Amino acid sequence: MASNGSASVRETPHGGRTSRTNTIMDALTRRAQAVLNDTTIDPESRAIIQYAMEIHDPWLAKLVMRAEAGEDVVDSRPSTNEDEGNGERIEALAELICRAGDEPAIKSAALVLLMSAIETATDPRAVATTAKLIALTRCSELNFCGVLDAQIATFESELLRE
């Protein structure tokens, strides 16, 4: 069969164009790199942003915005009023630690922050108890590896001990 030399390769409708997502991600990467190069931003914040870039963290945009605004990327200072926002912080950390999936870096970082929150709290026992209750609640939702069943047996033996 003879070939027709007049036939041409058909181009795709978006041939050669970059997607909107790629454009946004490129801009975010440039902004994050600018933050990393800015020595006026504290080294801890820059390290967190560097790590967020490496793991493609979905929070990178918020972290970069906070750094650009001159705010601390992560507020590691103990709060003056622990009732204000501390419960939400502990809940968020416990959720990160207990969520499904194999994310050792994220879970380890959350555990370190949780331990720091307990260590710097004015009432460490209350913070630890809050974290324990949140974790138990989360595990009960998942019944992770039969944890709830084991805890119920423990509670039952403690309560009904004669």
N, C-alpha and C. Protein backbone atom coordinates (compact mmCIF):
# COMPACT_ATOMS: atom_id res chain seq x y z
N MET A 1 0.86 -1.18 0.00
CA MET A 1 0.00 0.00 0.00
C MET A 1 0.89 1.23 0.00
N ALA A 2 0.58 2.18 -0.81
CA ALA A 2 1.38 3.40 -0.94
C ALA A 2 1.02 4.38 0.16
N SER A 3 2.00 5.13 0.58
CA SER A 3 1.73 6.12 1.63
C SER A 3 1.41 7.45 0.98
N ASN A 4 0.56 8.20 1.63
CA ASN A 4 0.16 9.50 1.14
C ASN A 4 1.01 10.55 1.82
N GLY A 5 1.80 11.27 1.08
CA GLY A 5 2.70 12.27 1.64
C GLY A 5 1.98 13.52 2.10
N SER A 6 0.69 13.66 1.79
CA SER A 6 -0.02 14.86 2.19
C SER A 6 -0.59 14.76 3.60
N ALA A 7 -0.53 13.55 4.19
CA ALA A 7 -1.06 13.37 5.54
C ALA A 7 -0.12 14.02 6.54
N SER A 8 -0.67 14.68 7.54
CA SER A 8 0.16 15.31 8.57
C SER A 8 -0.22 14.79 9.94
N VAL A 9 0.71 14.94 10.87
CA VAL A 9 0.45 14.52 12.25
C VAL A 9 -0.48 15.53 12.88
N ARG A 10 -1.50 15.01 13.51
CA ARG A 10 -2.50 15.88 14.14
C ARG A 10 -2.02 16.26 15.54
N GLU A 11 -2.08 17.54 15.87
CA GLU A 11 -1.66 18.02 17.18
C GLU A 11 -2.82 17.93 18.16
N THR A 12 -2.45 17.73 19.42
CA THR A 12 -3.48 17.71 20.46
C THR A 12 -3.94 19.14 20.73
N PRO A 13 -5.15 19.31 21.22
CA PRO A 13 -5.67 20.67 21.44
C PRO A 13 -4.81 21.51 22.37
N HIS A 14 -4.14 20.87 23.34
CA HIS A 14 -3.35 21.62 24.30
C HIS A 14 -1.86 21.36 24.12
N GLY A 15 -1.47 20.99 22.95
CA GLY A 15 -0.09 20.60 22.70
C GLY A 15 0.90 21.67 23.14
N GLY A 16 1.84 21.28 24.00
CA GLY A 16 2.90 22.19 24.41
C GLY A 16 2.54 23.12 25.55
N ARG A 17 1.29 23.20 25.91
CA ARG A 17 0.90 24.10 27.00
C ARG A 17 1.07 23.41 28.34
N THR A 18 1.49 24.18 29.32
CA THR A 18 1.58 23.61 30.67
C THR A 18 0.25 23.77 31.37
N SER A 19 -0.03 22.85 32.24
CA SER A 19 -1.31 22.91 32.94
C SER A 19 -1.30 24.00 33.99
N ARG A 20 -2.47 24.39 34.42
CA ARG A 20 -2.61 25.42 35.45
C ARG A 20 -1.99 24.95 36.77
N THR A 21 -2.17 23.65 37.07
CA THR A 21 -1.60 23.09 38.29
C THR A 21 -0.08 23.20 38.28
N ASN A 22 0.53 22.86 37.13
CA ASN A 22 1.99 22.96 37.03
C ASN A 22 2.45 24.39 37.23
N THR A 23 1.72 25.34 36.66
CA THR A 23 2.07 26.75 36.79
C THR A 23 2.00 27.18 38.25
N ILE A 24 0.96 26.78 38.94
CA ILE A 24 0.79 27.12 40.36
C ILE A 24 1.89 26.48 41.19
N MET A 25 2.19 25.22 40.93
CA MET A 25 3.23 24.52 41.69
C MET A 25 4.61 25.13 41.43
N ASP A 26 4.86 25.54 40.19
CA ASP A 26 6.14 26.19 39.88
C ASP A 26 6.27 27.51 40.65
N ALA A 27 5.18 28.28 40.69
CA ALA A 27 5.20 29.55 41.43
C ALA A 27 5.40 29.31 42.92
N LEU A 28 4.73 28.29 43.47
CA LEU A 28 4.88 27.97 44.88
C LEU A 28 6.31 27.53 45.18
N THR A 29 6.89 26.73 44.30
CA THR A 29 8.27 26.28 44.49
C THR A 29 9.23 27.46 44.48
N ARG A 30 9.01 28.41 43.57
CA ARG A 30 9.86 29.61 43.52
C ARG A 30 9.73 30.42 44.81
N ARG A 31 8.49 30.59 45.31
CA ARG A 31 8.28 31.33 46.55
C ARG A 31 8.91 30.62 47.73
N ALA A 32 8.78 29.30 47.78
CA ALA A 32 9.38 28.53 48.87
C ALA A 32 10.90 28.64 48.81
N GLN A 33 11.47 28.59 47.63
CA GLN A 33 12.92 28.72 47.48
C GLN A 33 13.39 30.10 47.93
N ALA A 34 12.59 31.12 47.64
CA ALA A 34 12.93 32.47 48.08
C ALA A 34 12.93 32.55 49.61
N VAL A 35 11.98 31.87 50.25
CA VAL A 35 11.94 31.83 51.72
C VAL A 35 13.18 31.12 52.25
N LEU A 36 13.56 30.02 51.60
CA LEU A 36 14.75 29.27 52.04
C LEU A 36 16.01 30.11 51.94
N ASN A 37 16.07 31.00 50.95
CA ASN A 37 17.25 31.84 50.74
C ASN A 37 17.24 33.10 51.60
N ASP A 38 16.12 33.39 52.25
CA ASP A 38 15.97 34.60 53.06
C ASP A 38 16.51 34.34 54.46
N THR A 39 17.67 34.90 54.77
CA THR A 39 18.30 34.66 56.07
C THR A 39 17.63 35.41 57.21
N THR A 40 16.69 36.30 56.90
CA THR A 40 15.98 36.99 57.98
C THR A 40 14.91 36.10 58.60
N ILE A 41 14.55 35.03 57.90
CA ILE A 41 13.57 34.07 58.43
C ILE A 41 14.33 33.06 59.28
N ASP A 42 13.76 32.72 60.44
CA ASP A 42 14.47 31.87 61.39
C ASP A 42 14.78 30.50 60.78
N PRO A 43 15.90 29.91 61.18
CA PRO A 43 16.34 28.63 60.60
C PRO A 43 15.35 27.48 60.80
N GLU A 44 14.62 27.47 61.93
CA GLU A 44 13.64 26.41 62.17
C GLU A 44 12.53 26.46 61.12
N SER A 45 12.02 27.66 60.84
CA SER A 45 10.97 27.80 59.84
C SER A 45 11.47 27.39 58.46
N ARG A 46 12.69 27.80 58.13
CA ARG A 46 13.25 27.43 56.83
C ARG A 46 13.43 25.92 56.72
N ALA A 47 13.85 25.27 57.81
CA ALA A 47 14.02 23.81 57.80
C ALA A 47 12.69 23.11 57.59
N ILE A 48 11.64 23.62 58.23
CA ILE A 48 10.32 23.02 58.08
C ILE A 48 9.84 23.18 56.64
N ILE A 49 10.05 24.33 56.06
CA ILE A 49 9.63 24.55 54.68
C ILE A 49 10.44 23.67 53.73
N GLN A 50 11.73 23.52 53.98
CA GLN A 50 12.57 22.64 53.16
C GLN A 50 12.03 21.22 53.20
N TYR A 51 11.71 20.74 54.41
CA TYR A 51 11.18 19.39 54.55
C TYR A 51 9.82 19.26 53.87
N ALA A 52 8.98 20.26 54.01
CA ALA A 52 7.66 20.24 53.37
C ALA A 52 7.80 20.16 51.85
N MET A 53 8.81 20.84 51.31
CA MET A 53 9.06 20.76 49.86
C MET A 53 9.49 19.36 49.46
N GLU A 54 10.35 18.75 50.27
CA GLU A 54 10.87 17.42 49.95
C GLU A 54 9.78 16.36 49.94
N ILE A 55 8.82 16.47 50.87
CA ILE A 55 7.78 15.44 50.97
C ILE A 55 6.50 15.83 50.22
N HIS A 56 6.54 16.97 49.52
CA HIS A 56 5.38 17.46 48.77
C HIS A 56 4.17 17.62 49.70
N ASP A 57 4.42 18.27 50.82
CA ASP A 57 3.38 18.47 51.84
C ASP A 57 2.29 19.38 51.30
N PRO A 58 1.02 18.99 51.46
CA PRO A 58 -0.08 19.84 50.99
C PRO A 58 -0.20 21.16 51.74
N TRP A 59 0.45 21.29 52.89
CA TRP A 59 0.41 22.52 53.68
C TRP A 59 1.51 23.49 53.28
N LEU A 60 2.31 23.16 52.29
CA LEU A 60 3.44 24.00 51.92
C LEU A 60 3.01 25.43 51.62
N ALA A 61 1.92 25.62 50.89
CA ALA A 61 1.47 26.97 50.54
C ALA A 61 1.18 27.80 51.80
N LYS A 62 0.52 27.19 52.79
CA LYS A 62 0.21 27.92 54.02
C LYS A 62 1.48 28.24 54.80
N LEU A 63 2.43 27.29 54.82
CA LEU A 63 3.69 27.52 55.53
C LEU A 63 4.46 28.67 54.88
N VAL A 64 4.51 28.69 53.55
CA VAL A 64 5.21 29.75 52.83
C VAL A 64 4.53 31.09 53.08
N MET A 65 3.19 31.13 53.03
CA MET A 65 2.48 32.38 53.29
C MET A 65 2.79 32.92 54.68
N ARG A 66 2.83 32.04 55.69
CA ARG A 66 3.14 32.49 57.05
C ARG A 66 4.55 33.03 57.13
N ALA A 67 5.49 32.35 56.49
CA ALA A 67 6.89 32.81 56.52
C ALA A 67 7.02 34.15 55.81
N GLU A 68 6.36 34.30 54.65
CA GLU A 68 6.42 35.56 53.91
C GLU A 68 5.81 36.71 54.70
N ALA A 69 4.82 36.39 55.53
CA ALA A 69 4.16 37.42 56.33
C ALA A 69 4.95 37.75 57.60
N GLY A 70 6.06 37.05 57.81
CA GLY A 70 6.88 37.31 59.00
C GLY A 70 6.40 36.59 60.24
N GLU A 71 5.45 35.66 60.08
CA GLU A 71 4.94 34.89 61.21
C GLU A 71 5.80 33.66 61.41
N ASP A 72 5.73 33.08 62.62
CA ASP A 72 6.39 31.80 62.85
C ASP A 72 5.64 30.74 62.04
N VAL A 73 6.39 29.89 61.36
CA VAL A 73 5.77 28.83 60.57
C VAL A 73 5.04 27.87 61.49
N VAL A 74 5.70 27.48 62.57
CA VAL A 74 5.08 26.64 63.59
C VAL A 74 5.29 27.33 64.91
N ASP A 75 4.22 27.58 65.61
CA ASP A 75 4.31 28.26 66.90
C ASP A 75 4.70 27.23 67.95
N SER A 76 6.00 27.21 68.30
CA SER A 76 6.49 26.24 69.26
C SER A 76 6.54 26.80 70.68
N ARG A 77 6.14 28.04 70.84
CA ARG A 77 6.14 28.64 72.18
C ARG A 77 4.96 28.12 72.98
N PRO A 78 5.18 27.86 74.28
CA PRO A 78 4.05 27.43 75.09
C PRO A 78 3.02 28.54 75.19
N SER A 79 1.77 28.18 75.10
CA SER A 79 0.74 29.21 75.15
C SER A 79 0.56 29.70 76.58
N THR A 80 0.23 30.98 76.71
CA THR A 80 0.05 31.56 78.04
C THR A 80 -1.27 31.09 78.65
N ASN A 81 -2.25 30.87 77.83
CA ASN A 81 -3.52 30.36 78.31
C ASN A 81 -3.74 29.00 77.64
N GLU A 82 -3.46 27.93 78.37
CA GLU A 82 -3.51 26.61 77.77
C GLU A 82 -4.90 26.19 77.32
N ASP A 83 -5.93 26.74 77.93
CA ASP A 83 -7.27 26.38 77.51
C ASP A 83 -7.57 26.91 76.11
N GLU A 84 -6.85 27.96 75.73
CA GLU A 84 -7.10 28.63 74.46
C GLU A 84 -6.30 27.97 73.35
N GLY A 85 -6.93 27.09 72.56
CA GLY A 85 -6.28 26.50 71.40
C GLY A 85 -5.42 25.29 71.68
N ASN A 86 -5.05 25.03 72.94
CA ASN A 86 -4.17 23.90 73.22
C ASN A 86 -4.88 22.58 72.96
N GLY A 87 -6.15 22.50 73.28
CA GLY A 87 -6.91 21.27 73.01
C GLY A 87 -6.95 20.96 71.54
N GLU A 88 -7.12 22.01 70.71
CA GLU A 88 -7.14 21.81 69.25
C GLU A 88 -5.78 21.35 68.76
N ARG A 89 -4.72 21.92 69.33
CA ARG A 89 -3.36 21.55 68.93
C ARG A 89 -3.09 20.09 69.29
N ILE A 90 -3.45 19.70 70.51
CA ILE A 90 -3.23 18.32 70.96
C ILE A 90 -4.06 17.37 70.11
N GLU A 91 -5.29 17.76 69.81
CA GLU A 91 -6.15 16.92 68.97
C GLU A 91 -5.56 16.75 67.58
N ALA A 92 -5.05 17.82 67.01
CA ALA A 92 -4.45 17.74 65.67
C ALA A 92 -3.22 16.83 65.67
N LEU A 93 -2.39 16.97 66.70
CA LEU A 93 -1.19 16.12 66.78
C LEU A 93 -1.56 14.65 66.98
N ALA A 94 -2.54 14.40 67.86
CA ALA A 94 -2.97 13.02 68.09
C ALA A 94 -3.57 12.42 66.82
N GLU A 95 -4.30 13.23 66.08
CA GLU A 95 -4.88 12.77 64.82
C GLU A 95 -3.78 12.40 63.82
N LEU A 96 -2.74 13.23 63.74
CA LEU A 96 -1.63 12.93 62.83
C LEU A 96 -0.95 11.61 63.22
N ILE A 97 -0.78 11.41 64.51
CA ILE A 97 -0.11 10.20 64.98
C ILE A 97 -0.96 8.97 64.74
N CYS A 98 -2.26 9.08 64.94
CA CYS A 98 -3.16 7.92 64.87
C CYS A 98 -3.73 7.63 63.49
N ARG A 99 -3.56 8.54 62.54
CA ARG A 99 -4.21 8.33 61.24
C ARG A 99 -3.62 7.13 60.51
N ALA A 100 -4.43 6.57 59.64
CA ALA A 100 -4.01 5.39 58.88
C ALA A 100 -2.92 5.78 57.88
N GLY A 101 -2.11 4.82 57.53
CA GLY A 101 -1.08 5.05 56.53
C GLY A 101 0.31 4.95 57.13
N ASP A 102 1.25 4.70 56.27
CA ASP A 102 2.63 4.55 56.68
C ASP A 102 3.36 5.85 56.38
N GLU A 103 3.39 6.75 57.35
CA GLU A 103 4.03 8.05 57.21
C GLU A 103 4.95 8.27 58.40
N PRO A 104 6.04 7.52 58.49
CA PRO A 104 6.87 7.60 59.70
C PRO A 104 7.43 8.99 59.98
N ALA A 105 7.79 9.74 58.94
CA ALA A 105 8.37 11.07 59.17
C ALA A 105 7.34 12.01 59.78
N ILE A 106 6.14 12.02 59.24
CA ILE A 106 5.10 12.92 59.73
C ILE A 106 4.67 12.50 61.14
N LYS A 107 4.48 11.21 61.34
CA LYS A 107 4.04 10.73 62.64
C LYS A 107 5.11 10.96 63.71
N SER A 108 6.37 10.79 63.34
CA SER A 108 7.46 11.03 64.29
C SER A 108 7.53 12.51 64.67
N ALA A 109 7.39 13.38 63.68
CA ALA A 109 7.41 14.82 63.95
C ALA A 109 6.25 15.22 64.85
N ALA A 110 5.07 14.67 64.59
CA ALA A 110 3.90 14.97 65.43
C ALA A 110 4.11 14.48 66.85
N LEU A 111 4.73 13.31 66.99
CA LEU A 111 5.00 12.77 68.33
C LEU A 111 5.98 13.65 69.09
N VAL A 112 7.01 14.15 68.40
CA VAL A 112 7.98 15.05 69.05
C VAL A 112 7.28 16.33 69.50
N LEU A 113 6.42 16.89 68.65
CA LEU A 113 5.69 18.11 69.03
C LEU A 113 4.74 17.84 70.19
N LEU A 114 4.11 16.67 70.21
CA LEU A 114 3.23 16.33 71.31
C LEU A 114 4.01 16.19 72.61
N MET A 115 5.16 15.55 72.55
CA MET A 115 6.00 15.42 73.75
C MET A 115 6.46 16.80 74.22
N SER A 116 6.79 17.68 73.29
CA SER A 116 7.19 19.04 73.64
C SER A 116 6.05 19.80 74.31
N ALA A 117 4.84 19.61 73.79
CA ALA A 117 3.68 20.27 74.39
C ALA A 117 3.44 19.78 75.81
N ILE A 118 3.65 18.50 76.03
CA ILE A 118 3.48 17.95 77.38
C ILE A 118 4.56 18.48 78.30
N GLU A 119 5.78 18.53 77.80
CA GLU A 119 6.92 18.97 78.61
C GLU A 119 6.81 20.44 79.02
N THR A 120 6.31 21.29 78.12
CA THR A 120 6.26 22.73 78.40
C THR A 120 4.93 23.18 79.01
N ALA A 121 4.00 22.27 79.18
CA ALA A 121 2.70 22.64 79.72
C ALA A 121 2.78 22.96 81.21
N THR A 122 1.92 23.87 81.65
CA THR A 122 1.88 24.17 83.08
C THR A 122 1.25 23.00 83.84
N ASP A 123 0.39 22.25 83.17
CA ASP A 123 -0.21 21.05 83.77
C ASP A 123 0.01 19.88 82.81
N PRO A 124 1.21 19.27 82.82
CA PRO A 124 1.54 18.22 81.87
C PRO A 124 0.61 17.01 81.96
N ARG A 125 0.14 16.70 83.16
CA ARG A 125 -0.74 15.55 83.32
C ARG A 125 -2.05 15.76 82.56
N ALA A 126 -2.58 16.96 82.59
CA ALA A 126 -3.83 17.25 81.89
C ALA A 126 -3.64 17.13 80.38
N VAL A 127 -2.51 17.62 79.87
CA VAL A 127 -2.23 17.53 78.43
C VAL A 127 -2.06 16.06 78.03
N ALA A 128 -1.33 15.29 78.83
CA ALA A 128 -1.13 13.87 78.53
C ALA A 128 -2.45 13.12 78.56
N THR A 129 -3.29 13.44 79.53
CA THR A 129 -4.60 12.80 79.63
C THR A 129 -5.47 13.15 78.42
N THR A 130 -5.43 14.40 78.01
CA THR A 130 -6.18 14.83 76.83
C THR A 130 -5.71 14.05 75.59
N ALA A 131 -4.39 13.96 75.41
CA ALA A 131 -3.85 13.24 74.26
C ALA A 131 -4.25 11.77 74.31
N LYS A 132 -4.21 11.18 75.50
CA LYS A 132 -4.57 9.77 75.65
C LYS A 132 -6.05 9.55 75.30
N LEU A 133 -6.91 10.44 75.78
CA LEU A 133 -8.33 10.29 75.48
C LEU A 133 -8.62 10.47 74.00
N ILE A 134 -7.95 11.42 73.36
CA ILE A 134 -8.13 11.63 71.92
C ILE A 134 -7.67 10.40 71.15
N ALA A 135 -6.50 9.87 71.53
CA ALA A 135 -5.98 8.68 70.85
C ALA A 135 -6.91 7.49 71.06
N LEU A 136 -7.41 7.32 72.27
CA LEU A 136 -8.33 6.22 72.54
C LEU A 136 -9.61 6.37 71.73
N THR A 137 -10.13 7.60 71.66
CA THR A 137 -11.32 7.85 70.86
C THR A 137 -11.07 7.53 69.40
N ARG A 138 -9.92 7.97 68.89
CA ARG A 138 -9.57 7.72 67.49
C ARG A 138 -9.42 6.22 67.24
N CYS A 139 -8.75 5.52 68.18
CA CYS A 139 -8.59 4.07 68.02
C CYS A 139 -9.93 3.36 68.10
N SER A 140 -10.83 3.87 68.92
CA SER A 140 -12.13 3.23 69.01
C SER A 140 -12.91 3.38 67.72
N GLU A 141 -12.68 4.51 67.02
CA GLU A 141 -13.33 4.70 65.73
C GLU A 141 -12.81 3.68 64.72
N LEU A 142 -11.53 3.39 64.79
CA LEU A 142 -10.92 2.46 63.85
C LEU A 142 -10.88 1.03 64.38
N ASN A 143 -11.00 0.88 65.70
CA ASN A 143 -10.76 -0.38 66.39
C ASN A 143 -9.46 -0.98 65.87
N PHE A 144 -8.47 -0.13 65.82
CA PHE A 144 -7.17 -0.43 65.25
C PHE A 144 -6.54 -1.64 65.93
N CYS A 145 -6.37 -2.70 65.17
CA CYS A 145 -5.73 -3.94 65.65
C CYS A 145 -6.37 -4.45 66.94
N GLY A 146 -7.65 -4.25 67.12
CA GLY A 146 -8.33 -4.75 68.30
C GLY A 146 -8.00 -3.98 69.57
N VAL A 147 -7.46 -2.75 69.42
CA VAL A 147 -7.08 -1.95 70.59
C VAL A 147 -8.28 -1.71 71.49
N LEU A 148 -9.42 -1.36 70.90
CA LEU A 148 -10.59 -1.08 71.72
C LEU A 148 -11.00 -2.31 72.51
N ASP A 149 -10.99 -3.46 71.86
CA ASP A 149 -11.37 -4.69 72.56
C ASP A 149 -10.42 -4.95 73.73
N ALA A 150 -9.13 -4.72 73.53
CA ALA A 150 -8.15 -4.91 74.61
C ALA A 150 -8.37 -3.91 75.72
N GLN A 151 -8.67 -2.65 75.36
CA GLN A 151 -8.90 -1.63 76.38
C GLN A 151 -10.17 -1.93 77.18
N ILE A 152 -11.20 -2.41 76.50
CA ILE A 152 -12.44 -2.74 77.21
C ILE A 152 -12.19 -3.84 78.22
N ALA A 153 -11.41 -4.86 77.82
CA ALA A 153 -11.09 -5.94 78.76
C ALA A 153 -10.31 -5.40 79.96
N THR A 154 -9.38 -4.48 79.71
CA THR A 154 -8.60 -3.88 80.80
C THR A 154 -9.50 -3.07 81.72
N PHE A 155 -10.36 -2.23 81.13
CA PHE A 155 -11.28 -1.43 81.94
C PHE A 155 -12.19 -2.33 82.77
N GLU A 156 -12.68 -3.38 82.14
CA GLU A 156 -13.60 -4.28 82.84
C GLU A 156 -12.90 -4.94 84.03
N SER A 157 -11.66 -5.42 83.82
CA SER A 157 -10.96 -6.09 84.92
C SER A 157 -10.65 -5.11 86.05
N GLU A 158 -10.35 -3.84 85.70
CA GLU A 158 -10.05 -2.83 86.73
C GLU A 158 -11.30 -2.45 87.51
N LEU A 159 -12.40 -2.25 86.79
CA LEU A 159 -13.63 -1.79 87.44
C LEU A 159 -14.29 -2.88 88.27
N LEU A 160 -14.22 -4.11 87.78
CA LEU A 160 -14.94 -5.20 88.44
C LEU A 160 -14.04 -6.00 89.38
N ARG A 161 -12.84 -5.49 89.63
CA ARG A 161 -11.90 -6.18 90.53
C ARG A 161 -12.46 -6.16 91.94
N GLU A 162 -12.42 -7.29 92.59
CA GLU A 162 -12.96 -7.37 93.96
C GLU A 162 -11.86 -7.52 94.96
